[in-house]
Amino acid sequence: MYRRLALLLSLPLTLTAADKKPAASPTAGIKTPGVQIPISSLKPEAALDAAPVWIGVADLLLVPNAAKGSLDRLDPKKNEIGDAVPAVSKPCGGTVSAFGSVWVPSCDDHSLVRIDPKKWEVAARIATGAGSAPLAIAAGADSVWLFSDNRTTLSRVDPDQNQVVAELRLPAGCSALVFGEAALWAACPNEDRVLRINPQSNLVEKQIEVSARPRMLAAGEGSIWVLCEKDGKVDRIDPKTNKVSKTIELSVPGVTGAIAAGLGSIWVTLEGFPLTRIDPQSEKAVQQFYGTGGGAIQIGANALWLSNTRDGTLWRLDPKRVQATLAE
């Protein structure tokens, strides 16, 4: 049985942005005229009655269903959430699509599950300790990478052997992984650093000082982007110099969020500021939508997907429409 995405015109009154009164202008956030916009002004292409804490991308989008402990498939062509991926229980930490497969950690049996996206069947289960570790996964350099225990052990999985082939102990509390610019990057909020890991040697080759409490990472536009939550900043790391080339103020301190890169922009979601768009050319936050919301953010099927964990919705957004939405 499918749950069909509700088009904007048929949204329930409780979810229709146009029927909500704009939130009062917040005391936090960017004060540059024309940047702050009420989230009620932004019209989604579609909205789904779901609020995943992360969103995976394969040929379909993948969203965890916390109530059922399943990994559900979302077809962006039909705007429908369909059947769950069989035999995947309590997915956690996100997914990556690589090496002809979809990879997702399972917090149920503490394994890394390899899924055949043509048959949507489990092709392998790899014992890794997933679920007792920080929830993060990345893929690149012929390997899948994830944290595998509560001592921040980073495990490297060989997709040809379907087994862990190397382990590296990182500082306590490292919380995010991304692969980009020929390297693996880890955010370590306790250290106020981002680590650059060489996939050839399996060693940390650079420790880059960033703004306080780096929590989330994204790769794009030839850079690594770091969401630093203590002061509400995004740092841009130049992989050629291994230094922060620009710090971009969000002016929303102490709030955990998520970040994504693609479709010509850098996108950030924070509680109370569901969507901020950063122009990588000007290196400034050019739009900051405020109001109820904040959750997961992902790019897939040439669209931006934004989860509102407070209202229990998942929006599909056209990036062109986002850019065309102006301050009142």
C-alpha atoms as a PDB file:
ATOM      1  CA  MET A   1       0.000   0.000   0.000  1.00  0.00           C
ATOM      2  CA  TYR A   2       1.425   3.333  -1.060  1.00  0.00           C
ATOM      3  CA  ARG A   3       1.250   6.572   0.846  1.00  0.00           C
ATOM      4  CA  ARG A   4       0.951   9.251  -1.800  1.00  0.00           C
ATOM      5  CA  LEU A   5       2.650  12.579  -1.426  1.00  0.00           C
ATOM      6  CA  ALA A   6       0.107  15.348  -1.011  1.00  0.00           C
ATOM      7  CA  LEU A   7       0.462  18.075  -3.601  1.00  0.00           C
ATOM      8  CA  LEU A   8       0.512  21.575  -2.254  1.00  0.00           C
ATOM      9  CA  LEU A   9      -3.080  22.321  -3.269  1.00  0.00           C
ATOM     10  CA  SER A  10      -4.368  19.341  -1.312  1.00  0.00           C
ATOM     11  CA  LEU A  11      -2.305  19.696   1.832  1.00  0.00           C
ATOM     12  CA  PRO A  12      -4.212  19.454   5.110  1.00  0.00           C
ATOM     13  CA  LEU A  13      -4.888  22.819   6.660  1.00  0.00           C
ATOM     14  CA  THR A  14      -2.459  22.054   9.467  1.00  0.00           C
ATOM     15  CA  LEU A  15       0.381  21.663   6.970  1.00  0.00           C
ATOM     16  CA  THR A  16      -0.408  24.301   4.353  1.00  0.00           C
ATOM     17  CA  ALA A  17       2.266  26.982   4.586  1.00  0.00           C
ATOM     18  CA  ALA A  18       0.023  29.595   3.003  1.00  0.00           C
ATOM     19  CA  ASP A  19      -2.549  29.207   5.777  1.00  0.00           C
ATOM     20  CA  LYS A  20      -0.039  29.785   8.535  1.00  0.00           C
ATOM     21  CA  LYS A  21       0.683  33.229   9.850  1.00  0.00           C
ATOM     22  CA  PRO A  22       4.290  34.248   9.303  1.00  0.00           C
ATOM     23  CA  ALA A  23       6.423  33.711  12.362  1.00  0.00           C
ATOM     24  CA  ALA A  24       7.591  36.823  14.130  1.00  0.00           C
ATOM     25  CA  SER A  25      11.024  37.974  13.046  1.00  0.00           C
ATOM     26  CA  PRO A  26      13.573  36.097  15.132  1.00  0.00           C
ATOM     27  CA  THR A  27      16.100  37.743  17.397  1.00  0.00           C
ATOM     28  CA  ALA A  28      18.843  35.464  16.065  1.00  0.00           C
ATOM     29  CA  GLY A  29      19.966  34.972  12.501  1.00  0.00           C
ATOM     30  CA  ILE A  30      21.416  37.179   9.812  1.00  0.00           C
ATOM     31  CA  LYS A  31      20.277  40.786   9.983  1.00  0.00           C
ATOM     32  CA  THR A  32      21.340  41.857   6.504  1.00  0.00           C
ATOM     33  CA  PRO A  33      18.239  43.326   4.824  1.00  0.00           C
ATOM     34  CA  GLY A  34      16.547  40.946   2.408  1.00  0.00           C
ATOM     35  CA  VAL A  35      18.148  37.759   3.740  1.00  0.00           C
ATOM     36  CA  GLN A  36      15.629  36.611   6.354  1.00  0.00           C
ATOM     37  CA  ILE A  37      12.380  35.199   4.940  1.00  0.00           C
ATOM     38  CA  PRO A  38       9.519  33.479   6.804  1.00  0.00           C
ATOM     39  CA  ILE A  39       9.370  29.778   5.951  1.00  0.00           C
ATOM     40  CA  SER A  40       5.636  30.255   5.307  1.00  0.00           C
ATOM     41  CA  SER A  41       6.610  32.162   2.145  1.00  0.00           C
ATOM     42  CA  LEU A  42       8.291  29.085   0.684  1.00  0.00           C
ATOM     43  CA  LYS A  43       6.029  26.795  -1.329  1.00  0.00           C
ATOM     44  CA  PRO A  44       7.040  23.127  -1.603  1.00  0.00           C
ATOM     45  CA  GLU A  45       6.446  21.139  -4.770  1.00  0.00           C
ATOM     46  CA  ALA A  46       5.038  18.390  -2.594  1.00  0.00           C
ATOM     47  CA  ALA A  47       4.854  17.398   1.052  1.00  0.00           C
ATOM     48  CA  LEU A  48       4.962  14.009   2.683  1.00  0.00           C
ATOM     49  CA  ASP A  49       3.621  12.949   6.045  1.00  0.00           C
ATOM     50  CA  ALA A  50       7.030  11.797   7.314  1.00  0.00           C
ATOM     51  CA  ALA A  51       9.956  13.335   9.136  1.00  0.00           C
ATOM     52  CA  PRO A  52      13.091  11.213   8.692  1.00  0.00           C
ATOM     53  CA  VAL A  53      16.180  12.140  10.671  1.00  0.00           C
ATOM     54  CA  TRP A  54      18.266  11.415   7.570  1.00  0.00           C
ATOM     55  CA  ILE A  55      17.619  10.838   3.879  1.00  0.00           C
ATOM     56  CA  GLY A  56      19.569   8.476   1.606  1.00  0.00           C
ATOM     57  CA  VAL A  57      19.904   8.668  -2.161  1.00  0.00           C
ATOM     58  CA  ALA A  58      20.104   5.782  -4.625  1.00  0.00           C
ATOM     59  CA  ASP A  59      18.025   5.345  -7.809  1.00  0.00           C
ATOM     60  CA  LEU A  60      15.218   6.073  -5.364  1.00  0.00           C
ATOM     61  CA  LEU A  61      15.362   8.104  -2.197  1.00  0.00           C
ATOM     62  CA  LEU A  62      15.517   6.140   1.024  1.00  0.00           C
ATOM     63  CA  VAL A  63      14.014   7.301   4.305  1.00  0.00           C
ATOM     64  CA  PRO A  64      14.060   5.588   7.694  1.00  0.00           C
ATOM     65  CA  ASN A  65      10.710   4.873   9.288  1.00  0.00           C
ATOM     66  CA  ALA A  66      11.348   5.135  13.017  1.00  0.00           C
ATOM     67  CA  ALA A  67       7.923   3.818  13.985  1.00  0.00           C
ATOM     68  CA  LYS A  68       8.341   0.606  11.996  1.00  0.00           C
ATOM     69  CA  GLY A  69      12.126   0.347  12.172  1.00  0.00           C
ATOM     70  CA  SER A  70      12.223   0.011   8.398  1.00  0.00           C
ATOM     71  CA  LEU A  71      13.978   1.641   5.443  1.00  0.00           C
ATOM     72  CA  ASP A  72      11.317   2.907   3.037  1.00  0.00           C
ATOM     73  CA  ARG A  73      11.715   3.635  -0.653  1.00  0.00           C
ATOM     74  CA  LEU A  74      10.572   6.994  -2.004  1.00  0.00           C
ATOM     75  CA  ASP A  75      10.003   7.215  -5.755  1.00  0.00           C
ATOM     76  CA  PRO A  76      10.615  10.846  -6.796  1.00  0.00           C
ATOM     77  CA  LYS A  77       9.059  10.261 -10.233  1.00  0.00           C
ATOM     78  CA  LYS A  78       5.725   9.272  -8.749  1.00  0.00           C
ATOM     79  CA  ASN A  79       6.088  11.261  -5.535  1.00  0.00           C
ATOM     80  CA  GLU A  80       5.248   8.161  -3.545  1.00  0.00           C
ATOM     81  CA  ILE A  81       6.685   6.299  -0.625  1.00  0.00           C
ATOM     82  CA  GLY A  82       6.472   2.614  -1.386  1.00  0.00           C
ATOM     83  CA  ASP A  83       7.491  -0.633   0.192  1.00  0.00           C
ATOM     84  CA  ALA A  84      10.246  -1.017   2.739  1.00  0.00           C
ATOM     85  CA  VAL A  85      13.540  -2.586   1.734  1.00  0.00           C
ATOM     86  CA  PRO A  86      13.206  -6.221   2.850  1.00  0.00           C
ATOM     87  CA  ALA A  87      15.275  -7.550   5.744  1.00  0.00           C
ATOM     88  CA  VAL A  88      16.639  -4.172   6.857  1.00  0.00           C
ATOM     89  CA  SER A  89      15.823  -3.499  10.504  1.00  0.00           C
ATOM     90  CA  LYS A  90      16.463  -0.277  12.416  1.00  0.00           C
ATOM     91  CA  PRO A  91      18.565   1.483   9.767  1.00  0.00           C
ATOM     92  CA  CYS A  92      20.790   4.152  11.272  1.00  0.00           C
ATOM     93  CA  GLY A  93      23.478   6.590  10.266  1.00  0.00           C
ATOM     94  CA  GLY A  94      22.426   7.235   6.691  1.00  0.00           C
ATOM     95  CA  THR A  95      23.077   5.429   3.429  1.00  0.00           C
ATOM     96  CA  VAL A  96      25.577   5.638   0.595  1.00  0.00           C
ATOM     97  CA  SER A  97      25.200   4.449  -2.977  1.00  0.00           C
ATOM     98  CA  ALA A  98      28.475   3.046  -4.287  1.00  0.00           C
ATOM     99  CA  PHE A  99      30.015   0.057  -6.053  1.00  0.00           C
ATOM    100  CA  GLY A 100      26.695  -0.983  -7.560  1.00  0.00           C
ATOM    101  CA  SER A 101      25.053  -1.264  -4.157  1.00  0.00           C
ATOM    102  CA  VAL A 102      23.306   0.672  -1.412  1.00  0.00           C
ATOM    103  CA  TRP A 103      24.981   0.494   1.992  1.00  0.00           C
ATOM    104  CA  VAL A 104      23.187   1.166   5.266  1.00  0.00           C
ATOM    105  CA  PRO A 105      24.191   0.459   8.875  1.00  0.00           C
ATOM    106  CA  SER A 106      21.705  -1.518  10.945  1.00  0.00           C
ATOM    107  CA  CYS A 107      21.358  -0.690  14.621  1.00  0.00           C
ATOM    108  CA  ASP A 108      19.431  -3.922  15.111  1.00  0.00           C
ATOM    109  CA  ASP A 109      22.151  -6.476  14.404  1.00  0.00           C
ATOM    110  CA  HIS A 110      25.107  -4.038  14.457  1.00  0.00           C
ATOM    111  CA  SER A 111      26.015  -4.755  10.853  1.00  0.00           C
ATOM    112  CA  LEU A 112      26.606  -2.931   7.597  1.00  0.00           C
ATOM    113  CA  VAL A 113      23.925  -4.097   5.172  1.00  0.00           C
ATOM    114  CA  ARG A 114      24.689  -4.254   1.450  1.00  0.00           C
ATOM    115  CA  ILE A 115      21.595  -3.952  -0.739  1.00  0.00           C
ATOM    116  CA  ASP A 116      21.190  -4.847  -4.415  1.00  0.00           C
ATOM    117  CA  PRO A 117      19.261  -1.830  -5.816  1.00  0.00           C
ATOM    118  CA  LYS A 118      18.032  -3.798  -8.848  1.00  0.00           C
ATOM    119  CA  LYS A 119      16.341  -6.528  -6.834  1.00  0.00           C
ATOM    120  CA  TRP A 120      16.087  -4.558  -3.581  1.00  0.00           C
ATOM    121  CA  GLU A 121      17.404  -7.538  -1.714  1.00  0.00           C
ATOM    122  CA  VAL A 122      20.114  -7.826   0.927  1.00  0.00           C
ATOM    123  CA  ALA A 123      23.282  -9.003  -0.793  1.00  0.00           C
ATOM    124  CA  ALA A 124      25.518  -9.146   2.297  1.00  0.00           C
ATOM    125  CA  ARG A 125      25.727  -8.362   5.991  1.00  0.00           C
ATOM    126  CA  ILE A 126      29.077  -7.257   7.343  1.00  0.00           C
ATOM    127  CA  ALA A 127      29.732  -7.331  11.070  1.00  0.00           C
ATOM    128  CA  THR A 128      31.008  -3.861  11.974  1.00  0.00           C
ATOM    129  CA  GLY A 129      29.566  -2.868  15.341  1.00  0.00           C
ATOM    130  CA  ALA A 130      27.228  -0.293  13.784  1.00  0.00           C
ATOM    131  CA  GLY A 131      24.815   1.138  16.301  1.00  0.00           C
ATOM    132  CA  SER A 132      27.272   1.315  19.171  1.00  0.00           C
ATOM    133  CA  ALA A 133      29.204   4.063  17.400  1.00  0.00           C
ATOM    134  CA  PRO A 134      28.650   7.585  16.029  1.00  0.00           C
ATOM    135  CA  LEU A 135      26.181   7.334  13.163  1.00  0.00           C
ATOM    136  CA  ALA A 136      28.136   8.219  10.043  1.00  0.00           C
ATOM    137  CA  ILE A 137      28.943   6.515   6.736  1.00  0.00           C
ATOM    138  CA  ALA A 138      30.800   7.529   3.562  1.00  0.00           C
ATOM    139  CA  ALA A 139      32.090   5.873   0.397  1.00  0.00           C
ATOM    140  CA  GLY A 140      35.080   6.513  -1.835  1.00  0.00           C
ATOM    141  CA  ALA A 141      38.479   5.222  -2.890  1.00  0.00           C
ATOM    142  CA  ASP A 142      37.106   1.714  -3.483  1.00  0.00           C
ATOM    143  CA  SER A 143      35.843   1.427   0.089  1.00  0.00           C
ATOM    144  CA  VAL A 144      32.961   2.112   2.432  1.00  0.00           C
ATOM    145  CA  TRP A 145      33.871   3.885   5.664  1.00  0.00           C
ATOM    146  CA  LEU A 146      31.971   4.035   8.956  1.00  0.00           C
ATOM    147  CA  PHE A 147      32.470   4.331  12.694  1.00  0.00           C
ATOM    148  CA  SER A 148      32.256   0.904  14.274  1.00  0.00           C
ATOM    149  CA  ASP A 149      32.393   1.311  18.067  1.00  0.00           C
ATOM    150  CA  ASN A 150      32.000   3.828  20.873  1.00  0.00           C
ATOM    151  CA  ARG A 151      35.762   4.429  20.939  1.00  0.00           C
ATOM    152  CA  THR A 152      35.522   6.164  17.546  1.00  0.00           C
ATOM    153  CA  THR A 153      37.137   3.380  15.583  1.00  0.00           C
ATOM    154  CA  LEU A 154      36.902   4.093  11.863  1.00  0.00           C
ATOM    155  CA  SER A 155      36.445   0.913   9.818  1.00  0.00           C
ATOM    156  CA  ARG A 156      37.245   0.502   6.133  1.00  0.00           C
ATOM    157  CA  VAL A 157      35.123  -2.052   4.282  1.00  0.00           C
ATOM    158  CA  ASP A 158      36.294  -3.631   1.026  1.00  0.00           C
ATOM    159  CA  PRO A 159      33.270  -4.107  -1.279  1.00  0.00           C
ATOM    160  CA  ASP A 160      35.019  -6.920  -3.141  1.00  0.00           C
ATOM    161  CA  GLN A 161      35.571  -8.948   0.021  1.00  0.00           C
ATOM    162  CA  ASN A 162      32.545  -7.683   1.966  1.00  0.00           C
ATOM    163  CA  GLN A 163      34.625  -7.366   5.100  1.00  0.00           C
ATOM    164  CA  VAL A 164      36.508  -4.861   7.235  1.00  0.00           C
ATOM    165  CA  VAL A 165      40.074  -4.617   5.941  1.00  0.00           C
ATOM    166  CA  ALA A 166      41.466  -1.746   8.054  1.00  0.00           C
ATOM    167  CA  GLU A 167      40.716   0.161  11.254  1.00  0.00           C
ATOM    168  CA  LEU A 168      41.852   3.552  12.482  1.00  0.00           C
ATOM    169  CA  ARG A 169      41.273   5.043  15.930  1.00  0.00           C
ATOM    170  CA  LEU A 170      40.169   8.680  15.787  1.00  0.00           C
ATOM    171  CA  PRO A 171      39.829  11.150  18.674  1.00  0.00           C
ATOM    172  CA  ALA A 172      36.815  10.649  20.932  1.00  0.00           C
ATOM    173  CA  GLY A 173      33.605  12.247  19.759  1.00  0.00           C
ATOM    174  CA  CYS A 174      34.257  12.524  16.014  1.00  0.00           C
ATOM    175  CA  SER A 175      30.783  12.663  14.571  1.00  0.00           C
ATOM    176  CA  ALA A 176      30.626  13.005  10.785  1.00  0.00           C
ATOM    177  CA  LEU A 177      32.255  11.611   7.652  1.00  0.00           C
ATOM    178  CA  VAL A 178      32.329  12.720   4.037  1.00  0.00           C
ATOM    179  CA  PHE A 179      34.435  11.659   1.063  1.00  0.00           C
ATOM    180  CA  GLY A 180      35.491  14.354  -1.382  1.00  0.00           C
ATOM    181  CA  GLU A 181      38.482  15.828  -3.163  1.00  0.00           C
ATOM    182  CA  ALA A 182      40.272  12.434  -3.110  1.00  0.00           C
ATOM    183  CA  ALA A 183      40.221  12.151   0.679  1.00  0.00           C
ATOM    184  CA  LEU A 184      38.059  11.114   3.611  1.00  0.00           C
ATOM    185  CA  TRP A 185      37.150  13.870   6.074  1.00  0.00           C
ATOM    186  CA  ALA A 186      35.980  13.516   9.669  1.00  0.00           C
ATOM    187  CA  ALA A 187      34.503  16.218  11.903  1.00  0.00           C
ATOM    188  CA  CYS A 188      35.707  16.104  15.500  1.00  0.00           C
ATOM    189  CA  PRO A 189      33.738  18.570  17.667  1.00  0.00           C
ATOM    190  CA  ASN A 190      35.660  17.843  20.856  1.00  0.00           C
ATOM    191  CA  GLU A 191      38.881  18.845  19.116  1.00  0.00           C
ATOM    192  CA  ASP A 192      37.488  21.765  17.064  1.00  0.00           C
ATOM    193  CA  ARG A 193      39.164  20.123  14.108  1.00  0.00           C
ATOM    194  CA  VAL A 194      38.445  18.387  10.842  1.00  0.00           C
ATOM    195  CA  LEU A 195      40.703  15.460  10.004  1.00  0.00           C
ATOM    196  CA  ARG A 196      41.858  14.679   6.483  1.00  0.00           C
ATOM    197  CA  ILE A 197      42.459  10.950   6.073  1.00  0.00           C
ATOM    198  CA  ASN A 198      44.572   9.573   3.251  1.00  0.00           C
ATOM    199  CA  PRO A 199      42.786   6.563   1.718  1.00  0.00           C
ATOM    200  CA  GLN A 200      46.078   5.229   0.367  1.00  0.00           C
ATOM    201  CA  SER A 201      47.788   4.996   3.750  1.00  0.00           C
ATOM    202  CA  ASN A 202      44.733   4.836   6.078  1.00  0.00           C
ATOM    203  CA  LEU A 203      46.358   7.567   8.155  1.00  0.00           C
ATOM    204  CA  VAL A 204      45.356  11.047   9.272  1.00  0.00           C
ATOM    205  CA  GLU A 205      47.541  13.328   7.176  1.00  0.00           C
ATOM    206  CA  LYS A 206      46.161  16.713   8.223  1.00  0.00           C
ATOM    207  CA  GLN A 207      44.386  18.136  11.272  1.00  0.00           C
ATOM    208  CA  ILE A 208      42.626  21.337  10.318  1.00  0.00           C
ATOM    209  CA  GLU A 209      41.523  23.815  12.977  1.00  0.00           C
ATOM    210  CA  VAL A 210      38.018  25.124  12.403  1.00  0.00           C
ATOM    211  CA  SER A 211      35.381  27.100  14.285  1.00  0.00           C
ATOM    212  CA  ALA A 212      34.070  25.686  17.550  1.00  0.00           C
ATOM    213  CA  ARG A 213      32.210  22.374  17.621  1.00  0.00           C
ATOM    214  CA  PRO A 214      32.272  21.196  13.992  1.00  0.00           C
ATOM    215  CA  ARG A 215      29.383  18.772  13.724  1.00  0.00           C
ATOM    216  CA  MET A 216      28.411  18.093  10.090  1.00  0.00           C
ATOM    217  CA  LEU A 217      30.223  17.970   6.737  1.00  0.00           C
ATOM    218  CA  ALA A 218      29.445  18.313   3.036  1.00  0.00           C
ATOM    219  CA  ALA A 219      31.622  18.132  -0.075  1.00  0.00           C
ATOM    220  CA  GLY A 220      30.991  20.270  -3.155  1.00  0.00           C
ATOM    221  CA  GLU A 221      32.126  23.236  -5.225  1.00  0.00           C
ATOM    222  CA  GLY A 222      35.726  22.042  -4.859  1.00  0.00           C
ATOM    223  CA  SER A 223      35.617  22.456  -1.088  1.00  0.00           C
ATOM    224  CA  ILE A 224      34.710  20.796   2.180  1.00  0.00           C
ATOM    225  CA  TRP A 225      31.979  22.622   4.107  1.00  0.00           C
ATOM    226  CA  VAL A 226      31.799  22.361   7.887  1.00  0.00           C
ATOM    227  CA  LEU A 227      28.764  23.225  10.003  1.00  0.00           C
ATOM    228  CA  CYS A 228      30.161  24.477  13.326  1.00  0.00           C
ATOM    229  CA  GLU A 229      27.357  24.646  15.851  1.00  0.00           C
ATOM    230  CA  LYS A 230      28.744  26.524  18.853  1.00  0.00           C
ATOM    231  CA  ASP A 231      28.726  29.962  17.221  1.00  0.00           C
ATOM    232  CA  GLY A 232      26.538  29.135  14.226  1.00  0.00           C
ATOM    233  CA  LYS A 233      29.109  29.230  11.450  1.00  0.00           C
ATOM    234  CA  VAL A 234      29.989  27.381   8.251  1.00  0.00           C
ATOM    235  CA  ASP A 235      33.692  27.011   7.496  1.00  0.00           C
ATOM    236  CA  ARG A 236      34.930  26.411   3.965  1.00  0.00           C
ATOM    237  CA  ILE A 237      38.056  24.254   3.741  1.00  0.00           C
ATOM    238  CA  ASP A 238      40.285  24.521   0.689  1.00  0.00           C
ATOM    239  CA  PRO A 239      41.586  20.969   0.072  1.00  0.00           C
ATOM    240  CA  LYS A 240      44.590  22.364  -1.792  1.00  0.00           C
ATOM    241  CA  THR A 241      45.894  24.266   1.225  1.00  0.00           C
ATOM    242  CA  ASN A 242      44.126  22.240   3.945  1.00  0.00           C
ATOM    243  CA  LYS A 243      43.081  25.471   5.606  1.00  0.00           C
ATOM    244  CA  VAL A 244      39.840  27.333   6.236  1.00  0.00           C
ATOM    245  CA  SER A 245      39.530  29.803   3.376  1.00  0.00           C
ATOM    246  CA  LYS A 246      36.290  31.427   4.556  1.00  0.00           C
ATOM    247  CA  THR A 247      34.047  31.485   7.611  1.00  0.00           C
ATOM    248  CA  ILE A 248      30.391  32.223   6.865  1.00  0.00           C
ATOM    249  CA  GLU A 249      28.197  33.549   9.667  1.00  0.00           C
ATOM    250  CA  LEU A 250      24.751  32.046  10.197  1.00  0.00           C
ATOM    251  CA  SER A 251      24.274  33.853  13.533  1.00  0.00           C
ATOM    252  CA  VAL A 252      22.358  30.929  15.027  1.00  0.00           C
ATOM    253  CA  PRO A 253      24.616  29.755  17.885  1.00  0.00           C
ATOM    254  CA  GLY A 254      24.312  26.503  19.776  1.00  0.00           C
ATOM    255  CA  VAL A 255      21.879  24.763  17.424  1.00  0.00           C
ATOM    256  CA  THR A 256      22.500  21.343  15.887  1.00  0.00           C
ATOM    257  CA  GLY A 257      21.631  20.962  12.215  1.00  0.00           C
ATOM    258  CA  ALA A 258      22.637  19.456   8.900  1.00  0.00           C
ATOM    259  CA  ILE A 259      24.335  20.596   5.699  1.00  0.00           C
ATOM    260  CA  ALA A 260      24.258  19.579   2.026  1.00  0.00           C
ATOM    261  CA  ALA A 261      26.072  20.768  -1.094  1.00  0.00           C
ATOM    262  CA  GLY A 262      24.683  20.742  -4.615  1.00  0.00           C
ATOM    263  CA  LEU A 263      22.369  22.376  -7.159  1.00  0.00           C
ATOM    264  CA  GLY A 264      24.650  25.406  -7.181  1.00  0.00           C
ATOM    265  CA  SER A 265      24.368  26.200  -3.469  1.00  0.00           C
ATOM    266  CA  ILE A 266      25.255  25.091   0.033  1.00  0.00           C
ATOM    267  CA  TRP A 267      22.184  24.309   2.140  1.00  0.00           C
ATOM    268  CA  VAL A 268      21.871  24.309   5.924  1.00  0.00           C
ATOM    269  CA  THR A 269      18.944  23.344   8.147  1.00  0.00           C
ATOM    270  CA  LEU A 270      18.732  24.372  11.819  1.00  0.00           C
ATOM    271  CA  GLU A 271      15.994  24.321  14.432  1.00  0.00           C
ATOM    272  CA  GLY A 272      14.042  27.568  14.051  1.00  0.00           C
ATOM    273  CA  PHE A 273      15.798  28.282  10.747  1.00  0.00           C
ATOM    274  CA  PRO A 274      14.701  25.371   8.553  1.00  0.00           C
ATOM    275  CA  LEU A 275      16.655  26.455   5.485  1.00  0.00           C
ATOM    276  CA  THR A 276      19.619  28.696   4.791  1.00  0.00           C
ATOM    277  CA  ARG A 277      21.109  28.997   1.302  1.00  0.00           C
ATOM    278  CA  ILE A 278      24.773  29.905   0.909  1.00  0.00           C
ATOM    279  CA  ASP A 279      26.093  31.170  -2.420  1.00  0.00           C
ATOM    280  CA  PRO A 280      29.506  29.502  -2.889  1.00  0.00           C
ATOM    281  CA  GLN A 281      30.601  32.262  -5.262  1.00  0.00           C
ATOM    282  CA  SER A 282      30.005  35.214  -2.935  1.00  0.00           C
ATOM    283  CA  GLU A 283      30.603  32.998   0.127  1.00  0.00           C
ATOM    284  CA  LYS A 284      27.637  34.542   1.906  1.00  0.00           C
ATOM    285  CA  ALA A 285      24.329  33.322   3.277  1.00  0.00           C
ATOM    286  CA  VAL A 286      21.942  34.913   0.792  1.00  0.00           C
ATOM    287  CA  GLN A 287      18.654  33.463   2.062  1.00  0.00           C
ATOM    288  CA  GLN A 288      17.685  32.399   5.579  1.00  0.00           C
ATOM    289  CA  PHE A 289      14.174  31.030   6.106  1.00  0.00           C
ATOM    290  CA  TYR A 290      12.940  31.224   9.686  1.00  0.00           C
ATOM    291  CA  GLY A 291      10.057  29.606  11.520  1.00  0.00           C
ATOM    292  CA  THR A 292       9.073  26.182  12.790  1.00  0.00           C
ATOM    293  CA  GLY A 293      11.194  23.380  11.444  1.00  0.00           C
ATOM    294  CA  GLY A 294      14.636  21.969  10.989  1.00  0.00           C
ATOM    295  CA  GLY A 295      15.755  18.382  10.536  1.00  0.00           C
ATOM    296  CA  ALA A 296      17.396  16.450   7.705  1.00  0.00           C
ATOM    297  CA  ILE A 297      18.383  17.835   4.329  1.00  0.00           C
ATOM    298  CA  GLN A 298      19.399  16.027   1.153  1.00  0.00           C
ATOM    299  CA  ILE A 299      19.709  16.514  -2.604  1.00  0.00           C
ATOM    300  CA  GLY A 300      18.294  13.914  -4.973  1.00  0.00           C
ATOM    301  CA  ALA A 301      16.345  13.687  -8.242  1.00  0.00           C
ATOM    302  CA  ASN A 302      17.333  17.295  -9.009  1.00  0.00           C
ATOM    303  CA  ALA A 303      15.400  18.479  -5.972  1.00  0.00           C
ATOM    304  CA  LEU A 304      16.035  19.560  -2.412  1.00  0.00           C
ATOM    305  CA  TRP A 305      14.447  17.425   0.316  1.00  0.00           C
ATOM    306  CA  LEU A 306      13.848  19.013   3.697  1.00  0.00           C
ATOM    307  CA  SER A 307      12.585  17.206   6.776  1.00  0.00           C
ATOM    308  CA  ASN A 308      10.690  19.047   9.506  1.00  0.00           C
ATOM    309  CA  THR A 309      10.938  16.827  12.572  1.00  0.00           C
ATOM    310  CA  ARG A 310       8.696  19.118  14.626  1.00  0.00           C
ATOM    311  CA  ASP A 311       5.726  19.174  12.235  1.00  0.00           C
ATOM    312  CA  GLY A 312       6.335  15.660  10.898  1.00  0.00           C
ATOM    313  CA  THR A 313       6.695  16.626   7.238  1.00  0.00           C
ATOM    314  CA  LEU A 314       9.132  16.034   4.402  1.00  0.00           C
ATOM    315  CA  TRP A 315       9.152  18.717   1.736  1.00  0.00           C
ATOM    316  CA  ARG A 316      10.291  18.435  -1.858  1.00  0.00           C
ATOM    317  CA  LEU A 317      11.629  21.824  -2.947  1.00  0.00           C
ATOM    318  CA  ASP A 318      12.561  23.164  -6.366  1.00  0.00           C
ATOM    319  CA  PRO A 319      15.874  25.019  -5.876  1.00  0.00           C
ATOM    320  CA  LYS A 320      14.825  27.577  -8.485  1.00  0.00           C
ATOM    321  CA  ARG A 321      11.674  28.329  -6.528  1.00  0.00           C
ATOM    322  CA  VAL A 322      13.701  28.646  -3.352  1.00  0.00           C
ATOM    323  CA  GLN A 323      16.007  31.134  -5.027  1.00  0.00           C
ATOM    324  CA  ALA A 324      13.063  33.113  -6.404  1.00  0.00           C
ATOM    325  CA  THR A 325      11.395  33.433  -2.981  1.00  0.00           C
ATOM    326  CA  LEU A 326      12.127  36.943  -1.766  1.00  0.00           C
ATOM    327  CA  ALA A 327      11.851  38.677   1.564  1.00  0.00           C
ATOM    328  CA  GLU A 328       8.572  40.481   2.173  1.00  0.00           C
END
